[in-house]
Amino acid sequence: MTNMMRASLLQAATSTFEELTFLMPSERLDERQANASLAAEARVDFSGPMNGSLLVRVHGELMPVLAARMLGANAPGPILERDALGEIANVLCGNVLPKIAGGAAVFSLRSPAVTNGIVAPPPPAAPAAAVTLGLDCGRVEVMLSVDSDARA
């Protein structure tokens, strides 16, 4: 994992959660956040100057909180919760790729795949960068995987 990729991922994840959910993420986890169980994950595959995927895993009771904060609605329900997580992953991927590849780089993003728990196959490559952030009553893990020849 390169320091530049991790720093870019951390900046993109922090700003995405702050701007979309109005929550203040922190790299310091309390005991409740650290022990929270996996609730759902969203994966966005991308191609362009580099190919790979971005995976966002949500732990704890964050799904309704994220959706409610994004939509301004109480109890949005499981369908809107999954849609909100997919949108977070999509926006986060769109924010981090230009930081890594440059603003002129053009990428194609596939639609987010959202699953409850770990159901989707793992990313095709080991993460080039990963961050874990505490949010409210849970945590998120964000992993960026790229083809091995794109890490140089």
Protein backbone atom coordinates (compact mmCIF):
# COMPACT_ATOMS: atom_id res chain seq x y z
CA MET A 1 0.00 0.00 0.00
CA THR A 2 1.49 3.31 -0.99
CA ASN A 3 1.31 6.24 1.40
CA MET A 4 -0.06 8.51 -1.36
CA MET A 5 -2.92 6.12 -2.13
CA ARG A 6 -3.80 5.72 1.53
CA ALA A 7 -3.68 9.48 2.13
CA SER A 8 -5.89 10.07 -0.93
CA LEU A 9 -8.33 7.38 0.19
CA LEU A 10 -8.47 8.79 3.72
CA GLN A 11 -9.11 12.31 2.45
CA ALA A 12 -11.80 11.15 -0.01
CA ALA A 13 -13.52 8.93 2.59
CA THR A 14 -13.48 11.62 5.26
CA SER A 15 -14.86 14.32 2.99
CA THR A 16 -17.46 12.01 1.43
CA PHE A 17 -18.90 10.98 4.80
CA GLU A 18 -18.78 14.52 6.14
CA GLU A 19 -20.52 16.00 3.10
CA LEU A 20 -23.08 13.26 2.41
CA THR A 21 -23.97 12.18 5.94
CA PHE A 22 -22.94 15.16 8.08
CA LEU A 23 -21.06 12.76 10.37
CA MET A 24 -17.53 13.39 11.58
CA PRO A 25 -15.39 10.32 10.86
CA SER A 26 -12.41 9.50 13.03
CA GLU A 27 -9.55 7.04 12.67
CA ARG A 28 -9.76 6.50 16.42
CA LEU A 29 -12.32 3.84 17.25
CA ASP A 30 -14.03 3.37 20.57
CA GLU A 31 -14.71 -0.15 21.85
CA ARG A 32 -18.25 -0.26 20.47
CA GLN A 33 -17.09 0.78 16.99
CA ALA A 34 -14.16 -1.64 17.01
CA ASN A 35 -16.36 -4.60 17.97
CA ALA A 36 -19.31 -3.82 15.69
CA SER A 37 -20.32 -6.63 13.36
CA LEU A 38 -20.53 -6.35 9.59
CA ALA A 39 -23.90 -5.09 8.34
CA ALA A 40 -23.41 -4.56 4.61
CA GLU A 41 -20.90 -3.79 1.91
CA ALA A 42 -20.90 -1.96 -1.40
CA ARG A 43 -18.42 -2.53 -4.21
CA VAL A 44 -17.76 -0.33 -7.23
CA ASP A 45 -15.57 -1.73 -10.02
CA PHE A 46 -13.80 0.74 -12.28
CA SER A 47 -11.70 0.79 -15.44
CA GLY A 48 -9.59 3.44 -17.12
CA PRO A 49 -5.95 4.42 -16.63
CA MET A 50 -6.03 1.77 -13.90
CA ASN A 51 -8.55 -0.97 -13.22
CA GLY A 52 -9.80 -2.15 -9.87
CA SER A 53 -12.52 -1.81 -7.28
CA LEU A 54 -13.51 0.18 -4.23
CA LEU A 55 -15.15 -1.68 -1.36
CA VAL A 56 -17.01 0.00 1.51
CA ARG A 57 -17.92 -2.21 4.48
CA VAL A 58 -20.33 -0.86 7.10
CA HIS A 59 -20.26 -2.29 10.63
CA GLY A 60 -22.74 -1.79 13.45
CA GLU A 61 -26.02 0.09 13.28
CA LEU A 62 -24.85 2.63 10.70
CA MET A 63 -27.07 1.72 7.75
CA PRO A 64 -30.22 3.52 8.96
CA VAL A 65 -28.16 6.44 10.27
CA LEU A 66 -26.35 6.94 6.95
CA ALA A 67 -29.57 6.74 4.92
CA ALA A 68 -31.50 9.03 7.26
CA ARG A 69 -28.72 11.62 7.21
CA MET A 70 -28.43 11.51 3.41
CA LEU A 71 -32.16 11.58 2.74
CA GLY A 72 -33.31 13.72 5.65
CA ALA A 73 -35.91 11.11 6.52
CA ASN A 74 -36.63 9.05 9.62
CA ALA A 75 -36.58 5.25 9.27
CA PRO A 76 -35.85 5.12 5.52
CA GLY A 77 -36.12 1.29 5.38
CA PRO A 78 -33.79 -1.39 4.02
CA ILE A 79 -34.15 -0.58 0.31
CA LEU A 80 -33.22 3.08 0.76
CA GLU A 81 -30.46 2.09 3.18
CA ARG A 82 -28.89 -0.12 0.50
CA ASP A 83 -29.32 2.62 -2.11
CA ALA A 84 -27.64 5.15 0.20
CA LEU A 85 -24.67 2.83 0.78
CA GLY A 86 -24.34 2.29 -2.97
CA GLU A 87 -24.37 6.05 -3.53
CA ILE A 88 -21.72 6.56 -0.85
CA ALA A 89 -19.47 3.97 -2.51
CA ASN A 90 -20.05 5.52 -5.93
CA VAL A 91 -19.29 9.07 -4.77
CA LEU A 92 -16.28 7.94 -2.76
CA CYS A 93 -14.86 6.08 -5.78
CA GLY A 94 -15.46 9.12 -7.98
CA ASN A 95 -13.68 11.32 -5.43
CA VAL A 96 -10.60 9.16 -4.86
CA LEU A 97 -9.69 8.18 -8.43
CA PRO A 98 -8.85 11.72 -9.63
CA LYS A 99 -6.74 12.25 -6.50
CA ILE A 100 -4.65 9.21 -7.46
CA ALA A 101 -4.64 9.33 -11.27
CA GLY A 102 -4.99 13.10 -11.82
CA GLY A 103 -7.96 15.26 -12.68
CA ALA A 104 -7.68 14.66 -16.43
CA ALA A 105 -7.95 10.87 -16.09
CA VAL A 106 -11.23 9.38 -17.32
CA PHE A 107 -12.68 6.32 -15.60
CA SER A 108 -15.71 4.16 -16.18
CA LEU A 109 -17.50 3.13 -12.98
CA ARG A 110 -19.82 0.15 -12.83
CA SER A 111 -22.99 0.38 -10.79
CA PRO A 112 -22.44 -0.33 -7.10
CA ALA A 113 -23.12 -3.89 -5.94
CA VAL A 114 -24.55 -3.80 -2.41
CA THR A 115 -24.88 -6.91 -0.25
CA ASN A 116 -25.81 -7.62 3.35
CA GLY A 117 -22.77 -9.02 5.09
CA ILE A 118 -19.99 -10.61 3.07
CA VAL A 119 -21.83 -12.23 0.20
CA ALA A 120 -20.13 -10.75 -2.85
CA PRO A 121 -16.85 -12.27 -4.02
CA PRO A 122 -13.78 -10.58 -2.60
CA PRO A 123 -12.04 -7.90 -4.66
CA PRO A 124 -9.85 -9.37 -7.41
CA ALA A 125 -6.67 -7.91 -5.89
CA ALA A 126 -5.34 -7.26 -2.41
CA PRO A 127 -6.06 -3.68 -1.34
CA ALA A 128 -3.55 -1.09 -2.48
CA ALA A 129 -4.94 1.18 0.24
CA ALA A 130 -7.34 0.77 3.14
CA VAL A 131 -8.75 2.99 5.87
CA THR A 132 -11.03 2.37 8.82
CA LEU A 133 -13.15 5.18 10.22
CA GLY A 134 -15.37 5.38 13.26
CA LEU A 135 -18.77 6.94 12.64
CA ASP A 136 -21.47 7.40 15.26
CA CYS A 137 -22.50 3.86 16.35
CA GLY A 138 -20.27 1.84 14.03
CA ARG A 139 -17.35 1.89 11.65
CA VAL A 140 -16.64 1.78 7.95
CA GLU A 141 -13.76 0.08 6.21
CA VAL A 142 -12.84 1.39 2.79
CA MET A 143 -10.51 -0.62 0.56
CA LEU A 144 -9.14 0.37 -2.82
CA SER A 145 -7.86 -2.48 -4.98
CA VAL A 146 -6.04 -1.86 -8.25
CA ASP A 147 -4.35 -4.10 -10.78
CA SER A 148 -0.81 -4.80 -9.64
CA ASP A 149 0.80 -2.96 -12.59
CA ALA A 150 -1.08 0.25 -11.65
CA ARG A 151 0.48 0.57 -8.16
CA ALA A 152 3.91 1.69 -9.25
